[in-house]
N, C-alpha and C. Protein backbone atom coordinates (compact mmCIF):
# COMPACT_ATOMS: atom_id res chain seq x y z
N UNK A 1 -17.71 18.40 -10.65
CA UNK A 1 -17.03 17.15 -10.66
C UNK A 1 -17.46 16.45 -11.97
N UNK A 2 -16.65 15.93 -12.77
CA UNK A 2 -16.81 15.22 -14.03
C UNK A 2 -16.33 13.72 -13.97
N UNK A 3 -17.11 12.89 -14.16
CA UNK A 3 -16.64 11.51 -14.25
C UNK A 3 -16.44 10.94 -15.54
N UNK A 4 -15.37 11.33 -16.11
CA UNK A 4 -14.98 10.74 -17.55
C UNK A 4 -14.29 9.34 -17.27
N UNK A 5 -14.58 8.57 -18.14
CA UNK A 5 -13.95 7.16 -18.04
C UNK A 5 -12.35 7.24 -18.07
N UNK A 6 -11.86 8.07 -18.69
CA UNK A 6 -10.37 8.18 -18.68
C UNK A 6 -9.87 8.82 -17.35
N UNK A 7 -10.55 9.63 -16.72
CA UNK A 7 -10.25 10.17 -15.31
C UNK A 7 -10.40 8.96 -14.19
N UNK A 8 -11.45 8.33 -14.40
CA UNK A 8 -11.72 7.26 -13.49
C UNK A 8 -10.59 6.08 -13.68
N UNK A 9 -10.26 5.81 -14.94
CA UNK A 9 -9.33 4.75 -15.20
C UNK A 9 -7.86 5.21 -14.66
N UNK A 10 -7.59 6.48 -14.86
CA UNK A 10 -6.33 7.03 -14.37
C UNK A 10 -6.25 6.99 -12.78
N UNK A 11 -7.36 7.27 -12.17
CA UNK A 11 -7.36 7.37 -10.73
C UNK A 11 -7.24 5.85 -10.22
N UNK A 12 -7.90 4.86 -10.79
CA UNK A 12 -7.77 3.55 -10.35
C UNK A 12 -6.47 2.91 -10.69
N UNK A 13 -5.88 3.21 -11.83
CA UNK A 13 -4.67 2.71 -12.25
C UNK A 13 -3.57 3.26 -11.34
N UNK A 14 -3.47 4.48 -11.11
CA UNK A 14 -2.48 4.99 -10.05
C UNK A 14 -2.67 4.62 -8.69
N UNK A 15 -3.85 4.34 -8.27
CA UNK A 15 -4.16 3.86 -6.87
C UNK A 15 -3.70 2.47 -6.84
N UNK A 16 -3.76 1.77 -7.77
CA UNK A 16 -3.33 0.23 -7.62
C UNK A 16 -1.90 0.12 -7.92
N UNK A 17 -1.40 0.85 -8.73
CA UNK A 17 0.11 0.62 -9.16
C UNK A 17 0.99 0.96 -7.97
N UNK A 18 1.98 0.03 -7.82
CA UNK A 18 2.89 0.19 -6.57
C UNK A 18 3.67 1.43 -6.45
N UNK A 19 4.25 1.92 -7.68
CA UNK A 19 5.22 3.04 -7.64
C UNK A 19 4.56 4.30 -7.37
N UNK A 20 3.68 4.96 -8.24
CA UNK A 20 3.15 6.22 -7.71
C UNK A 20 2.10 6.04 -6.60
N UNK A 21 1.30 5.02 -6.83
CA UNK A 21 0.26 4.75 -5.84
C UNK A 21 -0.63 5.90 -5.53
N UNK A 22 -0.97 5.99 -4.22
CA UNK A 22 -1.92 7.03 -3.90
C UNK A 22 -1.21 8.38 -3.80
N UNK A 23 0.08 8.46 -3.80
CA UNK A 23 0.78 9.76 -3.85
C UNK A 23 0.41 10.49 -5.24
N UNK A 24 0.22 9.74 -6.24
CA UNK A 24 -0.24 10.32 -7.48
C UNK A 24 -1.64 10.37 -7.66
N UNK A 25 -2.39 9.36 -7.21
CA UNK A 25 -3.78 9.23 -7.61
C UNK A 25 -4.74 10.22 -6.73
N UNK A 26 -4.38 10.58 -5.47
CA UNK A 26 -5.18 11.54 -4.73
C UNK A 26 -5.08 12.89 -5.26
N UNK A 27 -3.91 13.43 -5.44
CA UNK A 27 -3.75 14.68 -6.08
C UNK A 27 -4.43 14.84 -7.38
N UNK A 28 -4.23 13.85 -8.18
CA UNK A 28 -4.97 13.80 -9.55
C UNK A 28 -6.51 13.84 -9.44
N UNK A 29 -7.03 13.06 -8.45
CA UNK A 29 -8.41 13.00 -8.24
C UNK A 29 -9.00 14.33 -7.78
N UNK A 30 -8.26 14.89 -6.80
CA UNK A 30 -8.84 16.11 -6.13
C UNK A 30 -8.57 17.41 -6.96
N UNK A 31 -7.25 17.57 -7.31
CA UNK A 31 -6.83 18.76 -7.93
C UNK A 31 -7.07 18.81 -9.41
N UNK A 32 -7.00 17.75 -10.19
CA UNK A 32 -7.31 17.93 -11.58
C UNK A 32 -8.78 17.25 -12.01
N UNK A 33 -9.14 16.24 -11.36
CA UNK A 33 -10.49 15.60 -11.85
C UNK A 33 -11.68 16.22 -10.93
N UNK A 34 -11.33 16.97 -9.95
CA UNK A 34 -12.40 17.54 -8.99
C UNK A 34 -13.31 16.59 -8.37
N UNK A 35 -12.84 15.48 -7.93
CA UNK A 35 -13.48 14.38 -7.19
C UNK A 35 -13.72 14.95 -5.74
N UNK A 36 -14.73 14.57 -5.07
CA UNK A 36 -14.95 15.07 -3.70
C UNK A 36 -14.05 14.56 -2.73
N UNK A 37 -13.34 15.46 -1.98
CA UNK A 37 -12.35 15.01 -0.95
C UNK A 37 -12.75 14.12 -0.01
N UNK A 38 -14.13 13.95 0.28
CA UNK A 38 -14.53 13.07 1.35
C UNK A 38 -14.56 11.66 0.79
N UNK A 39 -14.70 11.53 -0.49
CA UNK A 39 -14.89 10.16 -1.13
C UNK A 39 -13.52 9.56 -1.46
N UNK A 40 -12.52 10.47 -2.01
CA UNK A 40 -11.31 10.07 -2.59
C UNK A 40 -10.56 9.11 -1.62
N UNK A 41 -10.25 9.38 -0.42
CA UNK A 41 -9.54 8.49 0.51
C UNK A 41 -10.19 7.20 0.73
N UNK A 42 -11.56 7.18 0.79
CA UNK A 42 -12.34 5.99 0.92
C UNK A 42 -12.30 5.05 -0.13
N UNK A 43 -12.07 5.56 -1.30
CA UNK A 43 -11.84 4.73 -2.60
C UNK A 43 -10.58 4.35 -2.90
N UNK A 44 -9.70 5.29 -2.63
CA UNK A 44 -8.03 5.06 -2.91
C UNK A 44 -7.57 4.06 -1.98
N UNK A 45 -7.97 3.93 -0.78
CA UNK A 45 -7.35 3.05 0.17
C UNK A 45 -7.58 1.59 -0.15
N UNK A 46 -8.75 1.16 -0.34
CA UNK A 46 -8.96 -0.30 -0.80
C UNK A 46 -8.32 -0.57 -2.11
N UNK A 47 -8.21 0.45 -3.14
CA UNK A 47 -7.46 0.17 -4.29
C UNK A 47 -6.03 -0.07 -4.08
N UNK A 48 -5.41 0.68 -3.15
CA UNK A 48 -3.96 0.60 -2.97
C UNK A 48 -3.79 -0.66 -2.10
N UNK A 49 -4.74 -1.15 -1.40
CA UNK A 49 -4.55 -2.48 -0.60
C UNK A 49 -4.50 -3.64 -1.56
N UNK A 50 -5.06 -3.38 -2.76
CA UNK A 50 -5.06 -4.62 -3.75
C UNK A 50 -3.66 -5.17 -3.92
N UNK A 51 -2.62 -4.29 -3.97
CA UNK A 51 -1.32 -4.95 -4.16
C UNK A 51 -0.80 -5.78 -3.04
N UNK A 52 -1.30 -5.49 -1.85
CA UNK A 52 -0.99 -6.36 -0.65
C UNK A 52 -1.63 -7.67 -0.84
N UNK A 53 -2.93 -7.69 -1.27
CA UNK A 53 -3.62 -8.99 -1.63
C UNK A 53 -2.89 -9.70 -2.69
N UNK A 54 -2.53 -9.03 -3.80
CA UNK A 54 -1.77 -9.67 -4.77
C UNK A 54 -0.36 -10.36 -4.34
N UNK A 55 0.26 -9.60 -3.54
CA UNK A 55 1.52 -10.15 -2.98
C UNK A 55 1.24 -11.44 -2.18
N UNK A 56 0.21 -11.32 -1.45
CA UNK A 56 -0.08 -12.49 -0.52
C UNK A 56 -0.43 -13.66 -1.33
N UNK A 57 -1.22 -13.56 -2.37
CA UNK A 57 -1.68 -14.71 -3.25
C UNK A 57 -0.48 -15.09 -4.00
N UNK A 58 0.32 -14.24 -4.56
CA UNK A 58 1.48 -14.71 -5.33
C UNK A 58 2.42 -15.36 -4.42
N UNK A 59 2.71 -14.97 -3.25
CA UNK A 59 3.68 -15.67 -2.37
C UNK A 59 3.19 -17.08 -2.08
N UNK A 60 1.85 -17.19 -1.75
CA UNK A 60 1.34 -18.48 -1.34
C UNK A 60 1.60 -19.42 -2.56
N UNK A 61 1.31 -19.00 -3.73
CA UNK A 61 1.64 -19.87 -4.88
C UNK A 61 3.09 -20.17 -5.08
N UNK A 62 3.91 -19.29 -5.01
CA UNK A 62 5.34 -19.46 -5.04
C UNK A 62 5.82 -20.40 -3.97
N UNK A 63 5.33 -20.28 -2.75
CA UNK A 63 5.77 -21.26 -1.66
C UNK A 63 5.40 -22.74 -1.95
N UNK A 64 4.54 -22.96 -2.98
CA UNK A 64 4.15 -24.38 -3.23
C UNK A 64 5.20 -25.14 -4.13
N UNK A 65 6.15 -24.22 -4.72
CA UNK A 65 7.24 -24.83 -5.48
C UNK A 65 8.48 -25.02 -4.62
N UNK A 66 8.85 -26.35 -4.51
CA UNK A 66 10.09 -26.64 -3.77
C UNK A 66 11.27 -25.88 -4.07
N UNK A 67 11.67 -25.72 -5.42
CA UNK A 67 12.85 -24.88 -5.77
C UNK A 67 12.83 -23.59 -5.14
N UNK A 68 11.71 -22.88 -5.17
CA UNK A 68 11.43 -21.46 -4.75
C UNK A 68 11.71 -21.51 -3.13
N UNK A 69 11.11 -22.44 -2.49
CA UNK A 69 11.34 -22.49 -1.05
C UNK A 69 12.81 -22.79 -0.67
N UNK A 70 13.39 -23.64 -1.43
CA UNK A 70 14.94 -23.87 -1.18
C UNK A 70 15.73 -22.71 -1.36
N UNK A 71 15.50 -21.85 -2.38
CA UNK A 71 16.16 -20.56 -2.68
C UNK A 71 15.95 -19.63 -1.49
N UNK A 72 14.69 -19.49 -1.11
CA UNK A 72 14.37 -18.53 -0.10
C UNK A 72 14.94 -18.85 1.25
N UNK A 73 15.06 -20.21 1.55
CA UNK A 73 15.65 -20.66 2.85
C UNK A 73 17.20 -20.42 2.80
N UNK A 74 17.81 -20.56 1.55
CA UNK A 74 19.33 -20.35 1.56
C UNK A 74 19.62 -18.84 1.72
N UNK A 75 18.65 -18.03 1.29
CA UNK A 75 18.91 -16.54 1.32
C UNK A 75 18.71 -15.94 2.70
N UNK A 76 18.10 -16.73 3.73
CA UNK A 76 17.77 -16.32 4.91
C UNK A 76 19.15 -15.93 5.61
N UNK A 77 19.20 -14.80 6.38
CA UNK A 77 20.33 -14.53 7.04
C UNK A 77 20.00 -14.00 8.50
N UNK A 78 20.87 -14.24 9.45
CA UNK A 78 20.47 -13.94 10.76
C UNK A 78 20.11 -12.29 10.98
N UNK A 79 20.84 -11.59 10.17
CA UNK A 79 20.66 -10.08 10.22
C UNK A 79 19.18 -9.80 9.77
N UNK A 80 18.75 -10.48 8.62
CA UNK A 80 17.36 -10.22 8.23
C UNK A 80 16.39 -10.71 9.16
N UNK A 81 16.67 -11.80 9.73
CA UNK A 81 15.83 -12.35 10.75
C UNK A 81 15.57 -11.56 11.93
N UNK A 82 16.71 -10.85 12.42
CA UNK A 82 16.46 -9.78 13.50
C UNK A 82 15.75 -8.63 13.13
N UNK A 83 15.90 -8.10 11.91
CA UNK A 83 15.08 -7.00 11.43
C UNK A 83 13.61 -7.46 11.42
N UNK A 84 13.24 -8.63 10.98
CA UNK A 84 11.92 -9.06 10.89
C UNK A 84 11.46 -9.76 12.11
N UNK A 85 12.09 -9.53 13.18
CA UNK A 85 11.78 -10.25 14.41
C UNK A 85 10.58 -9.60 15.10
N UNK A 86 10.19 -8.52 14.66
CA UNK A 86 8.88 -7.81 15.30
C UNK A 86 7.72 -8.69 15.20
N UNK A 87 7.67 -9.67 14.33
CA UNK A 87 6.59 -10.60 14.09
C UNK A 87 5.39 -9.92 13.75
N UNK A 88 5.48 -8.84 12.95
CA UNK A 88 4.26 -8.21 12.45
C UNK A 88 3.62 -7.26 13.50
N UNK A 89 4.35 -6.80 14.48
CA UNK A 89 3.79 -5.89 15.41
C UNK A 89 3.11 -4.69 14.81
N UNK A 90 2.14 -4.21 15.33
CA UNK A 90 1.29 -3.10 14.76
C UNK A 90 2.06 -1.88 14.35
N UNK A 91 2.82 -1.21 15.35
CA UNK A 91 3.52 -0.09 15.04
C UNK A 91 4.68 -0.11 14.00
N UNK A 92 5.56 -1.16 14.08
CA UNK A 92 6.51 -1.23 13.00
C UNK A 92 5.89 -1.30 11.62
N UNK A 93 4.85 -2.15 11.51
CA UNK A 93 4.30 -2.26 10.22
C UNK A 93 3.50 -1.04 9.81
N UNK A 94 2.86 -0.49 10.73
CA UNK A 94 2.06 0.85 10.43
C UNK A 94 3.06 1.94 10.08
N UNK A 95 4.13 2.17 10.75
CA UNK A 95 4.98 3.10 10.38
C UNK A 95 5.99 2.92 9.19
N UNK A 96 6.17 1.61 8.87
CA UNK A 96 7.09 1.26 7.75
C UNK A 96 6.41 1.19 6.44
N UNK A 97 5.04 1.13 6.37
CA UNK A 97 4.22 1.04 5.15
C UNK A 97 4.29 2.36 4.37
N UNK A 98 4.16 3.59 4.89
CA UNK A 98 4.27 4.71 4.07
C UNK A 98 5.71 4.83 3.41
N UNK A 99 6.85 4.32 4.03
CA UNK A 99 8.08 4.61 3.65
C UNK A 99 8.54 3.52 2.61
N UNK A 100 8.13 2.31 2.83
CA UNK A 100 8.55 1.17 2.02
C UNK A 100 7.45 0.86 1.02
N UNK A 101 6.24 1.23 1.22
CA UNK A 101 5.24 0.84 0.34
C UNK A 101 4.50 -0.39 0.90
N UNK A 102 3.25 -0.58 0.65
CA UNK A 102 2.50 -1.66 1.20
C UNK A 102 2.81 -3.01 0.62
N UNK A 103 3.16 -2.97 -0.71
CA UNK A 103 3.51 -4.31 -1.28
C UNK A 103 4.80 -4.87 -0.71
N UNK A 104 5.80 -3.92 -0.63
CA UNK A 104 7.04 -4.31 -0.12
C UNK A 104 7.11 -4.78 1.37
N UNK A 105 6.19 -4.12 2.16
CA UNK A 105 6.09 -4.60 3.54
C UNK A 105 5.46 -5.97 3.62
N UNK A 106 4.49 -6.11 2.71
CA UNK A 106 3.95 -7.51 2.65
C UNK A 106 4.87 -8.57 2.34
N UNK A 107 5.82 -8.22 1.31
CA UNK A 107 6.78 -9.12 0.90
C UNK A 107 7.65 -9.49 2.02
N UNK A 108 8.09 -8.46 2.80
CA UNK A 108 8.99 -8.87 3.99
C UNK A 108 8.19 -9.66 4.95
N UNK A 109 7.05 -9.27 5.14
CA UNK A 109 6.25 -10.07 6.20
C UNK A 109 6.03 -11.52 5.80
N UNK A 110 5.74 -11.71 4.52
CA UNK A 110 5.60 -13.04 4.01
C UNK A 110 6.95 -13.83 4.20
N UNK A 111 8.02 -13.15 3.82
CA UNK A 111 9.26 -13.68 3.97
C UNK A 111 9.62 -14.19 5.34
N UNK A 112 9.09 -13.43 6.32
CA UNK A 112 9.39 -13.79 7.72
C UNK A 112 8.15 -14.81 8.25
N UNK A 113 7.50 -15.33 7.21
CA UNK A 113 6.33 -16.24 7.45
C UNK A 113 5.33 -15.62 8.42
N UNK A 114 4.91 -14.44 8.15
CA UNK A 114 3.79 -13.69 8.87
C UNK A 114 2.67 -13.54 7.94
N UNK A 115 1.50 -13.93 8.33
CA UNK A 115 0.49 -14.01 7.45
C UNK A 115 -0.21 -12.67 7.26
N UNK A 116 -1.19 -12.52 6.33
CA UNK A 116 -1.88 -11.28 5.98
C UNK A 116 -2.82 -10.98 7.09
N UNK A 117 -3.32 -12.10 7.74
CA UNK A 117 -4.18 -11.95 8.90
C UNK A 117 -3.59 -11.06 9.93
N UNK A 118 -2.27 -11.23 10.14
CA UNK A 118 -1.69 -10.56 11.27
C UNK A 118 -1.30 -9.07 10.87
N UNK A 119 -0.90 -8.79 9.69
CA UNK A 119 -0.43 -7.61 9.27
C UNK A 119 -1.43 -6.80 8.34
N UNK A 120 -2.52 -7.31 8.04
CA UNK A 120 -3.43 -6.60 6.97
C UNK A 120 -4.04 -5.40 7.78
N UNK A 121 -4.42 -5.39 8.86
CA UNK A 121 -5.03 -4.13 9.50
C UNK A 121 -4.02 -3.05 9.62
N UNK A 122 -2.86 -3.20 10.19
CA UNK A 122 -1.94 -2.07 10.14
C UNK A 122 -1.49 -1.53 8.94
N UNK A 123 -1.39 -2.41 7.94
CA UNK A 123 -1.06 -1.90 6.51
C UNK A 123 -2.24 -1.06 5.94
N UNK A 124 -3.54 -1.67 6.10
CA UNK A 124 -4.61 -0.93 5.71
C UNK A 124 -4.86 0.54 6.32
N UNK A 125 -4.65 0.54 7.59
CA UNK A 125 -4.81 1.74 8.42
C UNK A 125 -3.69 2.73 8.07
N UNK A 126 -2.53 2.26 7.77
CA UNK A 126 -1.43 3.10 7.43
C UNK A 126 -1.79 3.71 6.05
N UNK A 127 -2.21 2.94 5.03
CA UNK A 127 -2.51 3.46 3.69
C UNK A 127 -3.68 4.52 3.93
N UNK A 128 -4.54 4.31 4.77
CA UNK A 128 -5.68 5.09 5.06
C UNK A 128 -5.26 6.46 5.57
N UNK A 129 -4.24 6.35 6.59
CA UNK A 129 -3.74 7.58 7.22
C UNK A 129 -2.99 8.39 6.21
N UNK A 130 -2.11 7.77 5.31
CA UNK A 130 -1.48 8.57 4.29
C UNK A 130 -2.50 9.14 3.36
N UNK A 131 -3.64 8.44 2.98
CA UNK A 131 -4.53 8.96 2.06
C UNK A 131 -5.38 10.26 2.69
N UNK A 132 -5.51 10.23 4.08
CA UNK A 132 -6.11 11.34 4.65
C UNK A 132 -5.15 12.49 4.68
N UNK A 133 -3.93 12.38 5.02
CA UNK A 133 -3.03 13.54 4.96
C UNK A 133 -2.86 14.00 3.50
N UNK A 134 -2.80 13.16 2.61
CA UNK A 134 -2.67 13.64 1.19
C UNK A 134 -3.82 14.42 0.87
N UNK A 135 -5.05 13.92 1.22
CA UNK A 135 -6.34 14.58 0.97
C UNK A 135 -6.26 15.98 1.63
N UNK A 136 -6.00 16.07 2.94
CA UNK A 136 -5.95 17.31 3.50
C UNK A 136 -5.05 18.30 2.90
N UNK A 137 -3.80 17.89 2.46
CA UNK A 137 -2.82 18.72 1.85
C UNK A 137 -3.37 19.20 0.49
N UNK A 138 -4.12 18.31 -0.22
CA UNK A 138 -4.59 18.82 -1.58
C UNK A 138 -5.84 19.83 -1.41
N UNK A 139 -6.47 19.66 -0.17
CA UNK A 139 -7.60 20.65 0.04
C UNK A 139 -7.02 21.94 0.56
N UNK A 140 -6.24 21.94 1.52
CA UNK A 140 -5.87 23.23 2.23
C UNK A 140 -4.65 23.94 1.60
N UNK A 141 -3.76 23.38 1.03
CA UNK A 141 -2.62 24.01 0.43
C UNK A 141 -3.09 24.89 -0.68
N UNK A 142 -3.86 24.39 -1.70
CA UNK A 142 -4.34 25.37 -2.74
C UNK A 142 -5.15 26.54 -2.15
N UNK A 143 -5.95 26.40 -1.04
CA UNK A 143 -6.81 27.42 -0.42
C UNK A 143 -5.91 28.45 0.16
N UNK A 144 -4.60 28.16 0.54
CA UNK A 144 -3.74 29.26 1.23
C UNK A 144 -3.23 30.13 0.03
N UNK A 145 -3.28 29.67 -1.18
CA UNK A 145 -2.62 30.48 -2.24
C UNK A 145 -3.69 31.08 -3.13
N UNK A 146 -4.90 31.00 -2.67
CA UNK A 146 -5.95 31.75 -3.51
C UNK A 146 -6.55 32.88 -2.81
């Protein structure tokens, strides 16, 4: 295991970034940078959760502006309200996070006036579950071919 600043910076950047996220950072850390598989998901999960915190803070700031609140209220539709009617239930949030991304799930939840306190745990656990699956794949699949 080599801890070069470039490798650490790449791992952190990919983990925090919404688009590739941990799908890119975990294979990079395990397969290319030789980081220990036991540590990688424990570090990548909080890094990936940073985007959820940023969305929450940004949404709170945007809601303080009356023109933004007015636009959001005009865009509300009964169809979207039915979709978001789960109210931040554990399983829909937990299962939706890997497919939509943690940041987008948090945007939907804040749009539905559901706070981070209610959906933070299922989003975090979903990110952690994905991190564990990716770590297992990065450890076991190369072993099958050697």
